[in-house]
C-alpha atoms as a PDB file:
ATOM      1  CA  MET A   1     -10.127   1.401  -8.862  1.00  0.00           C
ATOM      2  CA  THR A   2      -8.889  -2.039  -9.926  1.00  0.00           C
ATOM      3  CA  GLN A   3      -8.190  -3.005 -13.514  1.00  0.00           C
ATOM      4  CA  MET A   4      -7.972  -6.650 -14.498  1.00  0.00           C
ATOM      5  CA  LYS A   5      -5.911  -7.994 -17.379  1.00  0.00           C
ATOM      6  CA  VAL A   6      -6.202 -11.626 -18.429  1.00  0.00           C
ATOM      7  CA  ASP A   7      -4.532 -13.955 -20.876  1.00  0.00           C
ATOM      8  CA  ILE A   8      -3.843 -17.635 -21.490  1.00  0.00           C
ATOM      9  CA  ASP A   9      -0.410 -19.222 -21.265  1.00  0.00           C
ATOM     10  CA  ARG A  10      -0.491 -21.151 -24.539  1.00  0.00           C
ATOM     11  CA  GLU A  11       2.444 -23.338 -23.434  1.00  0.00           C
ATOM     12  CA  LYS A  12       0.430 -24.648 -20.462  1.00  0.00           C
ATOM     13  CA  CYS A  13      -3.093 -24.823 -21.912  1.00  0.00           C
ATOM     14  CA  ALA A  14      -4.228 -28.417 -22.547  1.00  0.00           C
ATOM     15  CA  GLY A  15      -7.690 -27.534 -23.833  1.00  0.00           C
ATOM     16  CA  HIS A  16      -9.824 -28.719 -20.909  1.00  0.00           C
ATOM     17  CA  GLY A  17     -12.169 -25.767 -21.517  1.00  0.00           C
ATOM     18  CA  ARG A  18     -12.978 -24.907 -17.936  1.00  0.00           C
ATOM     19  CA  CYS A  19     -12.073 -21.255 -18.426  1.00  0.00           C
ATOM     20  CA  TYR A  20     -14.556 -20.692 -21.225  1.00  0.00           C
ATOM     21  CA  VAL A  21     -17.221 -22.649 -19.360  1.00  0.00           C
ATOM     22  CA  PHE A  22     -16.852 -20.421 -16.282  1.00  0.00           C
ATOM     23  CA  ALA A  23     -16.182 -17.122 -18.110  1.00  0.00           C
ATOM     24  CA  PRO A  24     -17.646 -17.352 -21.643  1.00  0.00           C
ATOM     25  CA  ASP A  25     -17.566 -13.568 -22.138  1.00  0.00           C
ATOM     26  CA  VAL A  26     -13.802 -13.572 -21.576  1.00  0.00           C
ATOM     27  CA  PHE A  27     -12.516 -16.875 -22.995  1.00  0.00           C
ATOM     28  CA  GLU A  28     -13.437 -19.086 -25.930  1.00  0.00           C
ATOM     29  CA  PRO A  29     -11.923 -22.084 -27.703  1.00  0.00           C
ATOM     30  CA  ASP A  30      -9.833 -21.699 -30.823  1.00  0.00           C
ATOM     31  CA  ASP A  31     -10.183 -24.030 -33.816  1.00  0.00           C
ATOM     32  CA  GLU A  32      -8.217 -26.738 -31.998  1.00  0.00           C
ATOM     33  CA  GLY A  33     -10.070 -26.436 -28.666  1.00  0.00           C
ATOM     34  CA  TYR A  34      -7.430 -24.458 -26.808  1.00  0.00           C
ATOM     35  CA  ALA A  35      -8.478 -21.372 -24.874  1.00  0.00           C
ATOM     36  CA  VAL A  36      -7.980 -17.823 -26.051  1.00  0.00           C
ATOM     37  CA  ALA A  37      -8.789 -14.619 -24.191  1.00  0.00           C
ATOM     38  CA  ILE A  38     -11.324 -12.715 -26.280  1.00  0.00           C
ATOM     39  CA  ASN A  39     -11.616  -9.926 -23.694  1.00  0.00           C
ATOM     40  CA  LYS A  40      -8.213  -9.186 -22.177  1.00  0.00           C
ATOM     41  CA  THR A  41      -9.505  -6.375 -19.970  1.00  0.00           C
ATOM     42  CA  PRO A  42     -12.791  -7.598 -18.520  1.00  0.00           C
ATOM     43  CA  GLY A  43     -14.888  -5.364 -16.331  1.00  0.00           C
ATOM     44  CA  GLU A  44     -16.012  -5.804 -12.750  1.00  0.00           C
ATOM     45  CA  ARG A  45     -19.051  -7.880 -13.735  1.00  0.00           C
ATOM     46  CA  ASP A  46     -16.753 -10.631 -15.085  1.00  0.00           C
ATOM     47  CA  ARG A  47     -14.269 -10.536 -12.186  1.00  0.00           C
ATOM     48  CA  ASP A  48     -15.702 -13.443 -10.166  1.00  0.00           C
ATOM     49  CA  ALA A  49     -16.081 -15.632 -13.265  1.00  0.00           C
ATOM     50  CA  VAL A  50     -12.480 -14.968 -14.347  1.00  0.00           C
ATOM     51  CA  LEU A  51     -11.132 -15.781 -10.892  1.00  0.00           C
ATOM     52  CA  LYS A  52     -13.209 -18.977 -10.814  1.00  0.00           C
ATOM     53  CA  ALA A  53     -11.807 -19.919 -14.230  1.00  0.00           C
ATOM     54  CA  GLN A  54      -8.289 -19.284 -12.959  1.00  0.00           C
ATOM     55  CA  ARG A  55      -8.807 -21.403  -9.825  1.00  0.00           C
ATOM     56  CA  ASN A  56     -10.279 -24.288 -11.842  1.00  0.00           C
ATOM     57  CA  CYS A  57      -7.639 -24.508 -14.580  1.00  0.00           C
ATOM     58  CA  PRO A  58      -5.746 -27.786 -14.019  1.00  0.00           C
ATOM     59  CA  GLU A  59      -2.640 -26.431 -15.775  1.00  0.00           C
ATOM     60  CA  GLN A  60      -2.791 -22.957 -14.197  1.00  0.00           C
ATOM     61  CA  ALA A  61      -2.796 -21.489 -17.707  1.00  0.00           C
ATOM     62  CA  VAL A  62      -5.150 -18.601 -16.911  1.00  0.00           C
ATOM     63  CA  ILE A  63      -3.074 -15.492 -16.227  1.00  0.00           C
ATOM     64  CA  VAL A  64      -4.736 -12.745 -14.180  1.00  0.00           C
ATOM     65  CA  ASP A  65      -3.117  -9.427 -13.344  1.00  0.00           C
ATOM     66  CA  GLU A  66      -5.080  -7.079 -11.116  1.00  0.00           C
ATOM     67  CA  THR A  67      -3.596  -3.640 -10.569  1.00  0.00           C
ATOM     68  CA  THR A  68      -4.960  -0.845  -8.461  1.00  0.00           C
ATOM     69  CA  LYS A  69      -4.889   2.536 -10.105  1.00  0.00           C
ATOM     70  CA  SER A  70      -4.808   5.575  -7.880  1.00  0.00           C
ATOM     71  CA  GLU A  71      -7.064   8.398  -8.907  1.00  0.00           C
ATOM     72  CA  VAL A  72      -5.165  11.556  -9.725  1.00  0.00           C
ATOM     73  CA  ALA A  73      -6.666  14.700  -8.214  1.00  0.00           C
END
């Protein structure tokens, strides 16, 4: 099982908005137009959109951490 954690590097974000265009259930603009992660642990259905947002961020401000959790018997 893989769990995804996402965030925005506020130092790098320039407010282009590509992340919230590609993954609107995970990112949205703040009052100044900079991205914020509104869902820091998105599910599998948002995985492709989050990765597309990460690939398309000109500043590489979208942080994605995917960890595999082993099931305990």
